[in-house]
Amino acid sequence: MAQEGKAAFENEELRFVSRIEDVQALVDLIILSGSLEYVGNCLEYWKRMAALNARYVLFDRVPFTSWPEDKIVVQRIYRNTGGQEYESSVPV
């Protein structure tokens, strides 16, 4: 996604990176859209993000629960488009 952002929108004021290690400036906004739940150790990943001291963080399409501990669940994907069926599963 960062590659698409670079190609379409990047300029002197707006930058896109795919890895935290690539951040080389002050951060105004971090967008976590449907991705945090797929990171292996999301708590450690989030700590690294928080260390950037961004002014704003946008969590979008991220499932949160009030469970007292972490749990591994499976996301099942079923699609039937144009007569073609598709089935998959992903650990979340």
N, C-alpha and C. Protein backbone atom coordinates (compact mmCIF):
# COMPACT_ATOMS: atom_id res chain seq x y z
N MET A 1 0.81 -1.17 0.00
CA MET A 1 0.00 0.00 0.00
C MET A 1 0.87 1.26 0.00
N ALA A 2 1.98 1.22 0.74
CA ALA A 2 2.86 2.39 0.77
C ALA A 2 3.42 2.69 -0.61
N GLN A 3 3.68 1.65 -1.39
CA GLN A 3 4.19 1.87 -2.75
C GLN A 3 3.18 2.61 -3.60
N GLU A 4 1.91 2.26 -3.46
CA GLU A 4 0.86 2.96 -4.21
C GLU A 4 0.75 4.42 -3.76
N GLY A 5 0.84 4.64 -2.46
CA GLY A 5 0.81 6.01 -1.94
C GLY A 5 1.97 6.83 -2.45
N LYS A 6 3.16 6.23 -2.47
CA LYS A 6 4.34 6.92 -3.00
C LYS A 6 4.11 7.34 -4.45
N ALA A 7 3.64 6.39 -5.24
CA ALA A 7 3.46 6.65 -6.67
C ALA A 7 2.41 7.72 -6.95
N ALA A 8 1.34 7.71 -6.17
CA ALA A 8 0.22 8.60 -6.47
C ALA A 8 0.25 9.94 -5.74
N PHE A 9 0.80 9.96 -4.51
CA PHE A 9 0.60 11.15 -3.67
C PHE A 9 1.85 11.74 -3.03
N GLU A 10 2.96 11.01 -3.00
CA GLU A 10 4.10 11.50 -2.23
C GLU A 10 4.65 12.79 -2.79
N ASN A 11 5.00 13.70 -1.87
CA ASN A 11 5.63 14.96 -2.22
C ASN A 11 6.52 15.39 -1.06
N GLU A 12 6.94 16.64 -1.01
CA GLU A 12 7.83 17.10 0.06
C GLU A 12 7.17 17.07 1.43
N GLU A 13 5.85 17.17 1.49
CA GLU A 13 5.14 17.20 2.78
C GLU A 13 4.52 15.86 3.16
N LEU A 14 4.36 14.95 2.23
CA LEU A 14 3.67 13.69 2.47
C LEU A 14 4.56 12.52 2.06
N ARG A 15 4.83 11.63 3.03
CA ARG A 15 5.69 10.47 2.78
C ARG A 15 4.96 9.19 3.18
N PHE A 16 5.30 8.09 2.52
CA PHE A 16 4.73 6.77 2.81
C PHE A 16 5.88 5.81 3.06
N VAL A 17 5.74 4.97 4.10
CA VAL A 17 6.75 3.96 4.39
C VAL A 17 6.05 2.64 4.69
N SER A 18 6.75 1.55 4.41
CA SER A 18 6.21 0.22 4.70
C SER A 18 6.77 -0.36 5.99
N ARG A 19 7.90 0.18 6.44
CA ARG A 19 8.55 -0.34 7.65
C ARG A 19 8.83 0.81 8.61
N ILE A 20 8.68 0.55 9.89
CA ILE A 20 8.94 1.56 10.90
C ILE A 20 10.37 2.08 10.80
N GLU A 21 11.29 1.19 10.49
CA GLU A 21 12.70 1.56 10.39
C GLU A 21 12.96 2.59 9.30
N ASP A 22 12.04 2.74 8.36
CA ASP A 22 12.22 3.69 7.26
C ASP A 22 11.79 5.11 7.61
N VAL A 23 11.21 5.32 8.79
CA VAL A 23 10.77 6.65 9.20
C VAL A 23 11.99 7.49 9.53
N GLN A 24 12.11 8.66 8.87
CA GLN A 24 13.28 9.51 9.06
C GLN A 24 12.91 10.94 9.42
N ALA A 25 11.67 11.16 9.82
CA ALA A 25 11.24 12.52 10.15
C ALA A 25 10.16 12.47 11.22
N LEU A 26 9.73 13.63 11.69
CA LEU A 26 8.63 13.68 12.63
C LEU A 26 7.37 13.15 11.96
N VAL A 27 6.54 12.47 12.74
CA VAL A 27 5.34 11.84 12.21
C VAL A 27 4.11 12.58 12.70
N ASP A 28 3.25 12.99 11.76
CA ASP A 28 1.99 13.62 12.12
C ASP A 28 0.89 12.60 12.30
N LEU A 29 0.85 11.58 11.43
CA LEU A 29 -0.27 10.64 11.42
C LEU A 29 0.21 9.23 11.14
N ILE A 30 -0.25 8.28 11.96
CA ILE A 30 -0.05 6.86 11.70
C ILE A 30 -1.43 6.28 11.40
N ILE A 31 -1.55 5.58 10.29
CA ILE A 31 -2.81 4.94 9.94
C ILE A 31 -2.62 3.43 10.03
N LEU A 32 -3.40 2.79 10.90
CA LEU A 32 -3.40 1.34 11.03
C LEU A 32 -4.77 0.87 10.57
N SER A 33 -4.84 0.46 9.32
CA SER A 33 -6.12 0.11 8.72
C SER A 33 -6.15 -1.37 8.35
N GLY A 34 -6.85 -2.15 9.15
CA GLY A 34 -7.00 -3.57 8.87
C GLY A 34 -5.69 -4.32 8.83
N SER A 35 -4.72 -3.90 9.65
CA SER A 35 -3.41 -4.53 9.56
C SER A 35 -2.85 -4.99 10.91
N LEU A 36 -3.15 -4.29 11.97
CA LEU A 36 -2.52 -4.57 13.26
C LEU A 36 -2.76 -6.00 13.72
N GLU A 37 -3.93 -6.55 13.45
CA GLU A 37 -4.24 -7.91 13.90
C GLU A 37 -3.47 -8.98 13.16
N TYR A 38 -2.80 -8.63 12.07
CA TYR A 38 -2.04 -9.61 11.30
C TYR A 38 -0.54 -9.58 11.62
N VAL A 39 -0.13 -8.68 12.49
CA VAL A 39 1.28 -8.59 12.89
C VAL A 39 1.55 -9.64 13.95
N GLY A 40 2.65 -10.36 13.83
CA GLY A 40 2.96 -11.45 14.74
C GLY A 40 2.90 -11.07 16.21
N ASN A 41 3.61 -10.04 16.61
CA ASN A 41 3.61 -9.59 18.00
C ASN A 41 3.09 -8.16 17.99
N CYS A 42 1.77 -8.02 17.98
CA CYS A 42 1.19 -6.69 17.77
C CYS A 42 1.48 -5.73 18.92
N LEU A 43 1.65 -6.22 20.15
CA LEU A 43 1.97 -5.32 21.26
C LEU A 43 3.35 -4.70 21.08
N GLU A 44 4.33 -5.50 20.70
CA GLU A 44 5.67 -4.98 20.45
C GLU A 44 5.66 -4.02 19.26
N TYR A 45 4.92 -4.39 18.23
CA TYR A 45 4.80 -3.52 17.04
C TYR A 45 4.20 -2.18 17.43
N TRP A 46 3.14 -2.22 18.25
CA TRP A 46 2.49 -0.99 18.67
C TRP A 46 3.44 -0.14 19.51
N LYS A 47 4.24 -0.75 20.37
CA LYS A 47 5.21 0.01 21.17
C LYS A 47 6.20 0.75 20.27
N ARG A 48 6.62 0.09 19.19
CA ARG A 48 7.53 0.73 18.23
C ARG A 48 6.83 1.89 17.53
N MET A 49 5.57 1.73 17.21
CA MET A 49 4.80 2.82 16.59
C MET A 49 4.66 3.98 17.57
N ALA A 50 4.31 3.66 18.82
CA ALA A 50 4.11 4.70 19.83
C ALA A 50 5.39 5.50 20.08
N ALA A 51 6.54 4.86 19.94
CA ALA A 51 7.82 5.54 20.14
C ALA A 51 8.07 6.63 19.10
N LEU A 52 7.32 6.61 18.01
CA LEU A 52 7.47 7.65 16.98
C LEU A 52 6.84 8.98 17.43
N ASN A 53 6.04 8.94 18.50
CA ASN A 53 5.39 10.15 19.03
C ASN A 53 4.58 10.91 17.99
N ALA A 54 3.79 10.18 17.22
CA ALA A 54 2.95 10.81 16.21
C ALA A 54 1.89 11.68 16.87
N ARG A 55 1.52 12.76 16.19
CA ARG A 55 0.47 13.63 16.72
C ARG A 55 -0.88 12.92 16.74
N TYR A 56 -1.13 12.09 15.73
CA TYR A 56 -2.42 11.40 15.62
C TYR A 56 -2.18 9.94 15.21
N VAL A 57 -3.06 9.06 15.70
CA VAL A 57 -3.06 7.66 15.29
C VAL A 57 -4.49 7.31 14.92
N LEU A 58 -4.66 6.76 13.73
CA LEU A 58 -5.98 6.36 13.25
C LEU A 58 -6.05 4.85 13.20
N PHE A 59 -6.91 4.26 14.05
CA PHE A 59 -7.18 2.83 14.02
C PHE A 59 -8.46 2.64 13.20
N ASP A 60 -8.35 1.93 12.11
CA ASP A 60 -9.49 1.69 11.24
C ASP A 60 -9.54 0.21 10.91
N ARG A 61 -10.73 -0.39 11.02
CA ARG A 61 -10.91 -1.80 10.71
C ARG A 61 -9.98 -2.67 11.54
N VAL A 62 -9.88 -2.37 12.83
CA VAL A 62 -9.07 -3.16 13.76
C VAL A 62 -10.00 -3.70 14.84
N PRO A 63 -10.09 -5.03 14.98
CA PRO A 63 -10.98 -5.58 15.99
C PRO A 63 -10.39 -5.46 17.40
N PHE A 64 -11.13 -4.84 18.29
CA PHE A 64 -10.75 -4.74 19.69
C PHE A 64 -11.74 -5.54 20.51
N THR A 65 -11.27 -6.12 21.60
CA THR A 65 -12.16 -6.84 22.50
C THR A 65 -11.88 -6.42 23.93
N SER A 66 -12.75 -6.81 24.83
CA SER A 66 -12.52 -6.56 26.25
C SER A 66 -12.03 -7.82 26.94
N TRP A 67 -11.58 -8.83 26.17
CA TRP A 67 -11.05 -10.05 26.76
C TRP A 67 -9.83 -9.71 27.61
N PRO A 68 -9.68 -10.36 28.76
CA PRO A 68 -8.55 -10.03 29.63
C PRO A 68 -7.20 -10.51 29.12
N GLU A 69 -7.17 -11.44 28.16
CA GLU A 69 -5.91 -11.92 27.61
C GLU A 69 -6.03 -12.05 26.10
N ASP A 70 -4.87 -12.19 25.45
CA ASP A 70 -4.86 -12.37 24.01
C ASP A 70 -5.44 -13.73 23.64
N LYS A 71 -6.08 -13.78 22.49
CA LYS A 71 -6.60 -15.04 21.96
C LYS A 71 -6.31 -15.08 20.47
N ILE A 72 -6.10 -16.27 19.99
CA ILE A 72 -5.93 -16.45 18.55
C ILE A 72 -7.25 -16.95 18.00
N VAL A 73 -7.74 -16.28 16.99
CA VAL A 73 -8.98 -16.67 16.34
C VAL A 73 -8.70 -16.84 14.85
N VAL A 74 -9.62 -17.46 14.16
CA VAL A 74 -9.46 -17.67 12.72
C VAL A 74 -10.53 -16.89 11.99
N GLN A 75 -10.10 -16.10 11.03
CA GLN A 75 -11.01 -15.36 10.17
C GLN A 75 -11.29 -16.24 8.96
N ARG A 76 -12.55 -16.55 8.73
CA ARG A 76 -12.93 -17.36 7.57
C ARG A 76 -13.51 -16.45 6.49
N ILE A 77 -13.05 -16.66 5.29
CA ILE A 77 -13.44 -15.82 4.17
C ILE A 77 -14.17 -16.68 3.15
N TYR A 78 -15.40 -16.31 2.84
CA TYR A 78 -16.19 -17.00 1.82
C TYR A 78 -16.66 -15.96 0.81
N ARG A 79 -16.45 -16.25 -0.44
CA ARG A 79 -16.93 -15.34 -1.48
C ARG A 79 -17.52 -16.16 -2.62
N ASN A 80 -18.55 -15.63 -3.20
CA ASN A 80 -19.13 -16.23 -4.39
C ASN A 80 -19.43 -15.07 -5.34
N THR A 81 -18.50 -14.82 -6.23
CA THR A 81 -18.67 -13.71 -7.17
C THR A 81 -18.57 -14.24 -8.59
N GLY A 82 -19.50 -13.88 -9.38
CA GLY A 82 -19.48 -14.29 -10.78
C GLY A 82 -19.51 -15.79 -10.97
N GLY A 83 -20.13 -16.51 -10.03
CA GLY A 83 -20.21 -17.95 -10.15
C GLY A 83 -18.97 -18.69 -9.68
N GLN A 84 -17.94 -17.95 -9.26
CA GLN A 84 -16.72 -18.60 -8.77
C GLN A 84 -16.70 -18.50 -7.25
N GLU A 85 -16.60 -19.65 -6.60
CA GLU A 85 -16.54 -19.68 -5.15
C GLU A 85 -15.10 -19.61 -4.68
N TYR A 86 -14.92 -18.96 -3.54
CA TYR A 86 -13.60 -18.79 -2.97
C TYR A 86 -13.71 -19.00 -1.47
N GLU A 87 -12.83 -19.81 -0.89
CA GLU A 87 -12.85 -20.05 0.54
C GLU A 87 -11.42 -20.02 1.06
N SER A 88 -11.22 -19.35 2.19
CA SER A 88 -9.89 -19.27 2.78
C SER A 88 -10.02 -19.03 4.28
N SER A 89 -8.95 -19.18 5.01
CA SER A 89 -8.93 -18.84 6.42
C SER A 89 -7.58 -18.25 6.78
N VAL A 90 -7.59 -17.33 7.73
CA VAL A 90 -6.40 -16.61 8.14
C VAL A 90 -6.38 -16.49 9.65
N PRO A 91 -5.27 -16.82 10.33
CA PRO A 91 -5.24 -16.59 11.78
C PRO A 91 -5.18 -15.09 12.05
N VAL A 92 -5.95 -14.64 13.03
CA VAL A 92 -6.00 -13.22 13.37
C VAL A 92 -5.52 -13.07 14.79
